[in-house]
Amino acid sequence: GGDIVDYDRVETTFTSINGEVPAGIA
């Protein structure tokens, strides 16, 4: 899949804590 800055990024349970928005594939 894609690990691209503006493509298919997903906010998760951890996003509000560590600020990371991983790719959907992760």
mmCIF file of all heavy atoms, coordinates in Angstrom:
data_MODEL
# 
_entry.id   MODEL 
# 
loop_
_atom_site.group_PDB 
_atom_site.id 
_atom_site.type_symbol 
_atom_site.label_atom_id 
_atom_site.label_alt_id 
_atom_site.label_comp_id 
_atom_site.label_asym_id 
_atom_site.label_entity_id 
_atom_site.label_seq_id 
_atom_site.pdbx_PDB_ins_code 
_atom_site.Cartn_x 
_atom_site.Cartn_y 
_atom_site.Cartn_z 
_atom_site.occupancy 
_atom_site.B_iso_or_equiv 
_atom_site.pdbx_formal_charge 
_atom_site.auth_seq_id 
_atom_site.auth_comp_id 
_atom_site.auth_asym_id 
_atom_site.auth_atom_id 
_atom_site.pdbx_PDB_model_num 
ATOM 1   N N   . GLY A 1 1  ? 0.831  -1.205 0.000  1.00 0.00 ? 1  GLY A N   1 
ATOM 2   C CA  . GLY A 1 1  ? 0.000  0.000  0.000  1.00 0.00 ? 1  GLY A CA  1 
ATOM 3   C C   . GLY A 1 1  ? 0.862  1.248  0.000  1.00 0.00 ? 1  GLY A C   1 
ATOM 4   O O   . GLY A 1 1  ? 2.062  1.203  -0.276 1.00 0.00 ? 1  GLY A O   1 
ATOM 5   N N   . GLY A 1 2  ? 0.240  2.364  0.349  1.00 0.00 ? 2  GLY A N   1 
ATOM 6   C CA  . GLY A 1 2  ? 0.941  3.640  0.323  1.00 0.00 ? 2  GLY A CA  1 
ATOM 7   C C   . GLY A 1 2  ? 1.370  4.091  1.709  1.00 0.00 ? 2  GLY A C   1 
ATOM 8   O O   . GLY A 1 2  ? 0.637  3.917  2.686  1.00 0.00 ? 2  GLY A O   1 
ATOM 9   N N   . ASP A 1 3  ? 2.559  4.644  1.797  1.00 0.00 ? 3  ASP A N   1 
ATOM 10  C CA  . ASP A 1 3  ? 3.029  5.337  2.998  1.00 0.00 ? 3  ASP A CA  1 
ATOM 11  C C   . ASP A 1 3  ? 3.474  6.722  2.540  1.00 0.00 ? 3  ASP A C   1 
ATOM 12  O O   . ASP A 1 3  ? 4.650  7.041  2.487  1.00 0.00 ? 3  ASP A O   1 
ATOM 13  C CB  . ASP A 1 3  ? 4.172  4.565  3.646  1.00 0.00 ? 3  ASP A CB  1 
ATOM 14  C CG  . ASP A 1 3  ? 4.559  5.154  4.999  1.00 0.00 ? 3  ASP A CG  1 
ATOM 15  O OD1 . ASP A 1 3  ? 3.897  6.110  5.442  1.00 0.00 ? 3  ASP A OD1 1 
ATOM 16  O OD2 . ASP A 1 3  ? 5.527  4.674  5.608  1.00 0.00 ? 3  ASP A OD2 1 
ATOM 17  N N   . ILE A 1 4  ? 2.462  7.523  2.187  1.00 0.00 ? 4  ILE A N   1 
ATOM 18  C CA  . ILE A 1 4  ? 2.660  8.808  1.512  1.00 0.00 ? 4  ILE A CA  1 
ATOM 19  C C   . ILE A 1 4  ? 2.084  9.903  2.399  1.00 0.00 ? 4  ILE A C   1 
ATOM 20  O O   . ILE A 1 4  ? 1.072  9.700  3.079  1.00 0.00 ? 4  ILE A O   1 
ATOM 21  C CB  . ILE A 1 4  ? 1.971  8.793  0.132  1.00 0.00 ? 4  ILE A CB  1 
ATOM 22  C CG1 . ILE A 1 4  ? 2.529  7.623  -0.714 1.00 0.00 ? 4  ILE A CG1 1 
ATOM 23  C CG2 . ILE A 1 4  ? 2.171  10.107 -0.599 1.00 0.00 ? 4  ILE A CG2 1 
ATOM 24  C CD1 . ILE A 1 4  ? 1.717  7.322  -1.936 1.00 0.00 ? 4  ILE A CD1 1 
ATOM 25  N N   . VAL A 1 5  ? 2.715  11.059 2.389  1.00 0.00 ? 5  VAL A N   1 
ATOM 26  C CA  . VAL A 1 5  ? 2.366  12.129 3.326  1.00 0.00 ? 5  VAL A CA  1 
ATOM 27  C C   . VAL A 1 5  ? 0.874  12.470 3.287  1.00 0.00 ? 5  VAL A C   1 
ATOM 28  O O   . VAL A 1 5  ? 0.229  12.599 4.320  1.00 0.00 ? 5  VAL A O   1 
ATOM 29  C CB  . VAL A 1 5  ? 3.210  13.387 3.028  1.00 0.00 ? 5  VAL A CB  1 
ATOM 30  C CG1 . VAL A 1 5  ? 2.704  14.573 3.841  1.00 0.00 ? 5  VAL A CG1 1 
ATOM 31  C CG2 . VAL A 1 5  ? 4.675  13.126 3.357  1.00 0.00 ? 5  VAL A CG2 1 
ATOM 32  N N   . ASP A 1 6  ? 0.302  12.614 2.091  1.00 0.00 ? 6  ASP A N   1 
ATOM 33  C CA  . ASP A 1 6  ? -1.081 13.094 1.989  1.00 0.00 ? 6  ASP A CA  1 
ATOM 34  C C   . ASP A 1 6  ? -2.021 12.028 1.445  1.00 0.00 ? 6  ASP A C   1 
ATOM 35  O O   . ASP A 1 6  ? -3.038 12.351 0.833  1.00 0.00 ? 6  ASP A O   1 
ATOM 36  C CB  . ASP A 1 6  ? -1.131 14.347 1.102  1.00 0.00 ? 6  ASP A CB  1 
ATOM 37  C CG  . ASP A 1 6  ? -0.583 14.079 -0.303 1.00 0.00 ? 6  ASP A CG  1 
ATOM 38  O OD1 . ASP A 1 6  ? -0.021 12.996 -0.523 1.00 0.00 ? 6  ASP A OD1 1 
ATOM 39  O OD2 . ASP A 1 6  ? -0.713 14.969 -1.162 1.00 0.00 ? 6  ASP A OD2 1 
ATOM 40  N N   . TYR A 1 7  ? -1.708 10.757 1.660  1.00 0.00 ? 7  TYR A N   1 
ATOM 41  C CA  . TYR A 1 7  ? -2.500 9.688  1.061  1.00 0.00 ? 7  TYR A CA  1 
ATOM 42  C C   . TYR A 1 7  ? -2.803 8.620  2.102  1.00 0.00 ? 7  TYR A C   1 
ATOM 43  O O   . TYR A 1 7  ? -1.903 8.052  2.719  1.00 0.00 ? 7  TYR A O   1 
ATOM 44  C CB  . TYR A 1 7  ? -1.726 9.083  -0.117 1.00 0.00 ? 7  TYR A CB  1 
ATOM 45  C CG  . TYR A 1 7  ? -2.361 7.857  -0.755 1.00 0.00 ? 7  TYR A CG  1 
ATOM 46  C CD1 . TYR A 1 7  ? -3.347 7.992  -1.721 1.00 0.00 ? 7  TYR A CD1 1 
ATOM 47  C CD2 . TYR A 1 7  ? -1.967 6.574  -0.402 1.00 0.00 ? 7  TYR A CD2 1 
ATOM 48  C CE1 . TYR A 1 7  ? -3.921 6.880  -2.310 1.00 0.00 ? 7  TYR A CE1 1 
ATOM 49  C CE2 . TYR A 1 7  ? -2.528 5.456  -0.985 1.00 0.00 ? 7  TYR A CE2 1 
ATOM 50  C CZ  . TYR A 1 7  ? -3.505 5.610  -1.942 1.00 0.00 ? 7  TYR A CZ  1 
ATOM 51  O OH  . TYR A 1 7  ? -4.078 4.510  -2.521 1.00 0.00 ? 7  TYR A OH  1 
ATOM 52  N N   . ASP A 1 8  ? -4.083 8.339  2.328  1.00 0.00 ? 8  ASP A N   1 
ATOM 53  C CA  . ASP A 1 8  ? -4.526 7.231  3.172  1.00 0.00 ? 8  ASP A CA  1 
ATOM 54  C C   . ASP A 1 8  ? -3.874 7.268  4.545  1.00 0.00 ? 8  ASP A C   1 
ATOM 55  O O   . ASP A 1 8  ? -3.367 6.261  5.031  1.00 0.00 ? 8  ASP A O   1 
ATOM 56  C CB  . ASP A 1 8  ? -4.242 5.895  2.471  1.00 0.00 ? 8  ASP A CB  1 
ATOM 57  C CG  . ASP A 1 8  ? -4.937 4.716  3.179  1.00 0.00 ? 8  ASP A CG  1 
ATOM 58  O OD1 . ASP A 1 8  ? -5.956 4.946  3.836  1.00 0.00 ? 8  ASP A OD1 1 
ATOM 59  O OD2 . ASP A 1 8  ? -4.447 3.575  3.059  1.00 0.00 ? 8  ASP A OD2 1 
ATOM 60  N N   . ARG A 1 9  ? -3.878 8.416  5.204  1.00 0.00 ? 9  ARG A N   1 
ATOM 61  C CA  . ARG A 1 9  ? -3.385 8.506  6.576  1.00 0.00 ? 9  ARG A CA  1 
ATOM 62  C C   . ARG A 1 9  ? -4.565 8.311  7.522  1.00 0.00 ? 9  ARG A C   1 
ATOM 63  O O   . ARG A 1 9  ? -5.680 8.759  7.254  1.00 0.00 ? 9  ARG A O   1 
ATOM 64  C CB  . ARG A 1 9  ? -2.721 9.850  6.853  1.00 0.00 ? 9  ARG A CB  1 
ATOM 65  C CG  . ARG A 1 9  ? -1.703 10.309 5.836  1.00 0.00 ? 9  ARG A CG  1 
ATOM 66  C CD  . ARG A 1 9  ? -0.605 9.331  5.574  1.00 0.00 ? 9  ARG A CD  1 
ATOM 67  N NE  . ARG A 1 9  ? 0.308  9.153  6.697  1.00 0.00 ? 9  ARG A NE  1 
ATOM 68  C CZ  . ARG A 1 9  ? 1.462  8.496  6.617  1.00 0.00 ? 9  ARG A CZ  1 
ATOM 69  N NH1 . ARG A 1 9  ? 1.820  7.928  5.466  1.00 0.00 ? 9  ARG A NH1 1 
ATOM 70  N NH2 . ARG A 1 9  ? 2.258  8.373  7.670  1.00 0.00 ? 9  ARG A NH2 1 
ATOM 71  N N   . VAL A 1 10 ? -4.331 7.656  8.631  1.00 0.00 ? 10 VAL A N   1 
ATOM 72  C CA  . VAL A 1 10 ? -5.411 7.263  9.541  1.00 0.00 ? 10 VAL A CA  1 
ATOM 73  C C   . VAL A 1 10 ? -5.064 7.713  10.957 1.00 0.00 ? 10 VAL A C   1 
ATOM 74  O O   . VAL A 1 10 ? -4.018 7.341  11.498 1.00 0.00 ? 10 VAL A O   1 
ATOM 75  C CB  . VAL A 1 10 ? -5.620 5.735  9.521  1.00 0.00 ? 10 VAL A CB  1 
ATOM 76  C CG1 . VAL A 1 10 ? -6.725 5.341  10.504 1.00 0.00 ? 10 VAL A CG1 1 
ATOM 77  C CG2 . VAL A 1 10 ? -5.981 5.266  8.119  1.00 0.00 ? 10 VAL A CG2 1 
ATOM 78  N N   . GLU A 1 11 ? -5.951 8.498  11.552 1.00 0.00 ? 11 GLU A N   1 
ATOM 79  C CA  . GLU A 1 11 ? -5.786 8.823  12.966 1.00 0.00 ? 11 GLU A CA  1 
ATOM 80  C C   . GLU A 1 11 ? -6.201 7.609  13.792 1.00 0.00 ? 11 GLU A C   1 
ATOM 81  O O   . GLU A 1 11 ? -7.223 6.986  13.534 1.00 0.00 ? 11 GLU A O   1 
ATOM 82  C CB  . GLU A 1 11 ? -6.620 10.046 13.348 1.00 0.00 ? 11 GLU A CB  1 
ATOM 83  C CG  . GLU A 1 11 ? -6.121 11.336 12.729 1.00 0.00 ? 11 GLU A CG  1 
ATOM 84  C CD  . GLU A 1 11 ? -6.684 12.572 13.405 1.00 0.00 ? 11 GLU A CD  1 
ATOM 85  O OE1 . GLU A 1 11 ? -7.264 12.426 14.507 1.00 0.00 ? 11 GLU A OE1 1 
ATOM 86  O OE2 . GLU A 1 11 ? -6.544 13.677 12.849 1.00 0.00 ? 11 GLU A OE2 1 
ATOM 87  N N   . THR A 1 12 ? -5.408 7.279  14.801 1.00 0.00 ? 12 THR A N   1 
ATOM 88  C CA  . THR A 1 12 ? -5.657 6.103  15.624 1.00 0.00 ? 12 THR A CA  1 
ATOM 89  C C   . THR A 1 12 ? -5.857 6.512  17.078 1.00 0.00 ? 12 THR A C   1 
ATOM 90  O O   . THR A 1 12 ? -5.864 7.698  17.421 1.00 0.00 ? 12 THR A O   1 
ATOM 91  C CB  . THR A 1 12 ? -4.468 5.128  15.528 1.00 0.00 ? 12 THR A CB  1 
ATOM 92  O OG1 . THR A 1 12 ? -3.332 5.714  16.194 1.00 0.00 ? 12 THR A OG1 1 
ATOM 93  C CG2 . THR A 1 12 ? -4.119 4.823  14.075 1.00 0.00 ? 12 THR A CG2 1 
ATOM 94  N N   . THR A 1 13 ? -5.961 5.499  17.930 1.00 0.00 ? 13 THR A N   1 
ATOM 95  C CA  . THR A 1 13 ? -6.092 5.734  19.364 1.00 0.00 ? 13 THR A CA  1 
ATOM 96  C C   . THR A 1 13 ? -4.916 6.539  19.902 1.00 0.00 ? 13 THR A C   1 
ATOM 97  O O   . THR A 1 13 ? -5.070 7.320  20.843 1.00 0.00 ? 13 THR A O   1 
ATOM 98  C CB  . THR A 1 13 ? -6.173 4.381  20.094 1.00 0.00 ? 13 THR A CB  1 
ATOM 99  O OG1 . THR A 1 13 ? -7.239 3.606  19.531 1.00 0.00 ? 13 THR A OG1 1 
ATOM 100 C CG2 . THR A 1 13 ? -6.428 4.571  21.576 1.00 0.00 ? 13 THR A CG2 1 
ATOM 101 N N   . PHE A 1 14 ? -3.738 6.376  19.296 1.00 0.00 ? 14 PHE A N   1 
ATOM 102 C CA  . PHE A 1 14 ? -2.539 7.014  19.822 1.00 0.00 ? 14 PHE A CA  1 
ATOM 103 C C   . PHE A 1 14 ? -2.304 8.420  19.262 1.00 0.00 ? 14 PHE A C   1 
ATOM 104 O O   . PHE A 1 14 ? -1.446 9.139  19.764 1.00 0.00 ? 14 PHE A O   1 
ATOM 105 C CB  . PHE A 1 14 ? -1.307 6.166  19.492 1.00 0.00 ? 14 PHE A CB  1 
ATOM 106 C CG  . PHE A 1 14 ? -1.270 4.827  20.193 1.00 0.00 ? 14 PHE A CG  1 
ATOM 107 C CD1 . PHE A 1 14 ? -0.309 3.883  19.857 1.00 0.00 ? 14 PHE A CD1 1 
ATOM 108 C CD2 . PHE A 1 14 ? -2.188 4.506  21.175 1.00 0.00 ? 14 PHE A CD2 1 
ATOM 109 C CE1 . PHE A 1 14 ? -0.261 2.659  20.496 1.00 0.00 ? 14 PHE A CE1 1 
ATOM 110 C CE2 . PHE A 1 14 ? -2.152 3.278  21.822 1.00 0.00 ? 14 PHE A CE2 1 
ATOM 111 C CZ  . PHE A 1 14 ? -1.190 2.344  21.473 1.00 0.00 ? 14 PHE A CZ  1 
ATOM 112 N N   . THR A 1 15 ? -3.033 8.812  18.228 1.00 0.00 ? 15 THR A N   1 
ATOM 113 C CA  . THR A 1 15 ? -2.722 10.064 17.531 1.00 0.00 ? 15 THR A CA  1 
ATOM 114 C C   . THR A 1 15 ? -2.797 11.275 18.449 1.00 0.00 ? 15 THR A C   1 
ATOM 115 O O   . THR A 1 15 ? -1.957 12.171 18.389 1.00 0.00 ? 15 THR A O   1 
ATOM 116 C CB  . THR A 1 15 ? -3.665 10.251 16.333 1.00 0.00 ? 15 THR A CB  1 
ATOM 117 O OG1 . THR A 1 15 ? -3.481 9.156  15.415 1.00 0.00 ? 15 THR A OG1 1 
ATOM 118 C CG2 . THR A 1 15 ? -3.374 11.556 15.610 1.00 0.00 ? 15 THR A CG2 1 
ATOM 119 N N   . SER A 1 16 ? -3.808 11.309 19.322 1.00 0.00 ? 16 SER A N   1 
ATOM 120 C CA  . SER A 1 16 ? -3.955 12.477 20.197 1.00 0.00 ? 16 SER A CA  1 
ATOM 121 C C   . SER A 1 16 ? -2.859 12.557 21.246 1.00 0.00 ? 16 SER A C   1 
ATOM 122 O O   . SER A 1 16 ? -2.646 13.601 21.853 1.00 0.00 ? 16 SER A O   1 
ATOM 123 C CB  . SER A 1 16 ? -5.320 12.442 20.889 1.00 0.00 ? 16 SER A CB  1 
ATOM 124 O OG  . SER A 1 16 ? -5.422 11.296 21.730 1.00 0.00 ? 16 SER A OG  1 
ATOM 125 N N   . ILE A 1 17 ? -2.133 11.442 21.436 1.00 0.00 ? 17 ILE A N   1 
ATOM 126 C CA  . ILE A 1 17 ? -1.074 11.423 22.450 1.00 0.00 ? 17 ILE A CA  1 
ATOM 127 C C   . ILE A 1 17 ? 0.290  11.698 21.827 1.00 0.00 ? 17 ILE A C   1 
ATOM 128 O O   . ILE A 1 17 ? 1.028  12.575 22.284 1.00 0.00 ? 17 ILE A O   1 
ATOM 129 C CB  . ILE A 1 17 ? -1.049 10.061 23.183 1.00 0.00 ? 17 ILE A CB  1 
ATOM 130 C CG1 . ILE A 1 17 ? -2.462 9.687  23.681 1.00 0.00 ? 17 ILE A CG1 1 
ATOM 131 C CG2 . ILE A 1 17 ? -0.066 10.118 24.342 1.00 0.00 ? 17 ILE A CG2 1 
ATOM 132 C CD1 . ILE A 1 17 ? -3.083 10.690 24.613 1.00 0.00 ? 17 ILE A CD1 1 
ATOM 133 N N   . ASN A 1 18 ? 0.620  10.951 20.762 1.00 0.00 ? 18 ASN A N   1 
ATOM 134 C CA  . ASN A 1 18 ? 1.958  11.111 20.183 1.00 0.00 ? 18 ASN A CA  1 
ATOM 135 C C   . ASN A 1 18 ? 1.969  11.909 18.888 1.00 0.00 ? 18 ASN A C   1 
ATOM 136 O O   . ASN A 1 18 ? 3.031  12.167 18.316 1.00 0.00 ? 18 ASN A O   1 
ATOM 137 C CB  . ASN A 1 18 ? 2.615  9.747  19.951 1.00 0.00 ? 18 ASN A CB  1 
ATOM 138 C CG  . ASN A 1 18 ? 1.817  8.866  18.996 1.00 0.00 ? 18 ASN A CG  1 
ATOM 139 O OD1 . ASN A 1 18 ? 0.959  9.335  18.257 1.00 0.00 ? 18 ASN A OD1 1 
ATOM 140 N ND2 . ASN A 1 18 ? 2.106  7.571  19.007 1.00 0.00 ? 18 ASN A ND2 1 
ATOM 141 N N   . GLY A 1 19 ? 0.784  12.298 18.392 1.00 0.00 ? 19 GLY A N   1 
ATOM 142 C CA  . GLY A 1 19 ? 0.701  13.124 17.193 1.00 0.00 ? 19 GLY A CA  1 
ATOM 143 C C   . GLY A 1 19 ? 0.939  12.382 15.891 1.00 0.00 ? 19 GLY A C   1 
ATOM 144 O O   . GLY A 1 19 ? 0.893  12.990 14.827 1.00 0.00 ? 19 GLY A O   1 
ATOM 145 N N   . GLU A 1 20 ? 1.169  11.078 15.938 1.00 0.00 ? 20 GLU A N   1 
ATOM 146 C CA  . GLU A 1 20 ? 1.468  10.330 14.723 1.00 0.00 ? 20 GLU A CA  1 
ATOM 147 C C   . GLU A 1 20 ? 0.185  9.924  14.003 1.00 0.00 ? 20 GLU A C   1 
ATOM 148 O O   . GLU A 1 20 ? -0.782 9.496  14.636 1.00 0.00 ? 20 GLU A O   1 
ATOM 149 C CB  . GLU A 1 20 ? 2.287  9.081  15.055 1.00 0.00 ? 20 GLU A CB  1 
ATOM 150 C CG  . GLU A 1 20 ? 3.665  9.408  15.628 1.00 0.00 ? 20 GLU A CG  1 
ATOM 151 C CD  . GLU A 1 20 ? 4.446  8.157  15.990 1.00 0.00 ? 20 GLU A CD  1 
ATOM 152 O OE1 . GLU A 1 20 ? 3.922  7.036  15.752 1.00 0.00 ? 20 GLU A OE1 1 
ATOM 153 O OE2 . GLU A 1 20 ? 5.559  8.286  16.525 1.00 0.00 ? 20 GLU A OE2 1 
ATOM 154 N N   . VAL A 1 21 ? 0.183  10.073 12.672 1.00 0.00 ? 21 VAL A N   1 
ATOM 155 C CA  . VAL A 1 21 ? -0.951 9.671  11.835 1.00 0.00 ? 21 VAL A CA  1 
ATOM 156 C C   . VAL A 1 21 ? -0.424 8.640  10.843 1.00 0.00 ? 21 VAL A C   1 
ATOM 157 O O   . VAL A 1 21 ? 0.068  8.989  9.772  1.00 0.00 ? 21 VAL A O   1 
ATOM 158 C CB  . VAL A 1 21 ? -1.569 10.881 11.101 1.00 0.00 ? 21 VAL A CB  1 
ATOM 159 C CG1 . VAL A 1 21 ? -2.810 10.448 10.327 1.00 0.00 ? 21 VAL A CG1 1 
ATOM 160 C CG2 . VAL A 1 21 ? -1.920 11.988 12.084 1.00 0.00 ? 21 VAL A CG2 1 
ATOM 161 N N   . PRO A 1 22 ? -0.498 7.354  11.202 1.00 0.00 ? 22 PRO A N   1 
ATOM 162 C CA  . PRO A 1 22 ? 0.118  6.326  10.353 1.00 0.00 ? 22 PRO A CA  1 
ATOM 163 C C   . PRO A 1 22 ? -0.660 6.091  9.070  1.00 0.00 ? 22 PRO A C   1 
ATOM 164 O O   . PRO A 1 22 ? -1.807 6.520  8.925  1.00 0.00 ? 22 PRO A O   1 
ATOM 165 C CB  . PRO A 1 22 ? 0.093  5.078  11.247 1.00 0.00 ? 22 PRO A CB  1 
ATOM 166 C CG  . PRO A 1 22 ? -1.079 5.298  12.143 1.00 0.00 ? 22 PRO A CG  1 
ATOM 167 C CD  . PRO A 1 22 ? -1.124 6.783  12.390 1.00 0.00 ? 22 PRO A CD  1 
ATOM 168 N N   . ALA A 1 23 ? -0.031 5.379  8.151  1.00 0.00 ? 23 ALA A N   1 
ATOM 169 C CA  . ALA A 1 23 ? -0.715 4.964  6.926  1.00 0.00 ? 23 ALA A CA  1 
ATOM 170 C C   . ALA A 1 23 ? -1.749 3.901  7.263  1.00 0.00 ? 23 ALA A C   1 
ATOM 171 O O   . ALA A 1 23 ? -1.598 3.141  8.224  1.00 0.00 ? 23 ALA A O   1 
ATOM 172 C CB  . ALA A 1 23 ? 0.296  4.424  5.922  1.00 0.00 ? 23 ALA A CB  1 
ATOM 173 N N   . GLY A 1 24 ? -2.825 3.834  6.458  1.00 0.00 ? 24 GLY A N   1 
ATOM 174 C CA  . GLY A 1 24 ? -3.864 2.842  6.693  1.00 0.00 ? 24 GLY A CA  1 
ATOM 175 C C   . GLY A 1 24 ? -3.337 1.428  6.683  1.00 0.00 ? 24 GLY A C   1 
ATOM 176 O O   . GLY A 1 24 ? -3.823 0.547  7.412  1.00 0.00 ? 24 GLY A O   1 
ATOM 177 N N   . ILE A 1 25 ? -2.299 1.178  5.884  1.00 0.00 ? 25 ILE A N   1 
ATOM 178 C CA  . ILE A 1 25 ? -1.730 -0.161 5.792  1.00 0.00 ? 25 ILE A CA  1 
ATOM 179 C C   . ILE A 1 25 ? -1.169 -0.618 7.139  1.00 0.00 ? 25 ILE A C   1 
ATOM 180 O O   . ILE A 1 25 ? -1.211 -1.814 7.471  1.00 0.00 ? 25 ILE A O   1 
ATOM 181 C CB  . ILE A 1 25 ? -0.629 -0.165 4.697  1.00 0.00 ? 25 ILE A CB  1 
ATOM 182 C CG1 . ILE A 1 25 ? -0.191 -1.570 4.367  1.00 0.00 ? 25 ILE A CG1 1 
ATOM 183 C CG2 . ILE A 1 25 ? 0.551  0.676  5.092  1.00 0.00 ? 25 ILE A CG2 1 
ATOM 184 C CD1 . ILE A 1 25 ? 0.798  -1.623 3.219  1.00 0.00 ? 25 ILE A CD1 1 
ATOM 185 N N   . ALA A 1 26 ? -0.667 0.323  7.947  1.00 0.00 ? 26 ALA A N   1 
ATOM 186 C CA  . ALA A 1 26 ? -0.128 -0.032 9.264  1.00 0.00 ? 26 ALA A CA  1 
ATOM 187 C C   . ALA A 1 26 ? -1.236 -0.472 10.214 1.00 0.00 ? 26 ALA A C   1 
ATOM 188 O O   . ALA A 1 26 ? -1.019 -1.334 11.072 1.00 0.00 ? 26 ALA A O   1 
ATOM 189 C CB  . ALA A 1 26 ? 0.637  1.157  9.844  1.00 0.00 ? 26 ALA A CB  1 
# 
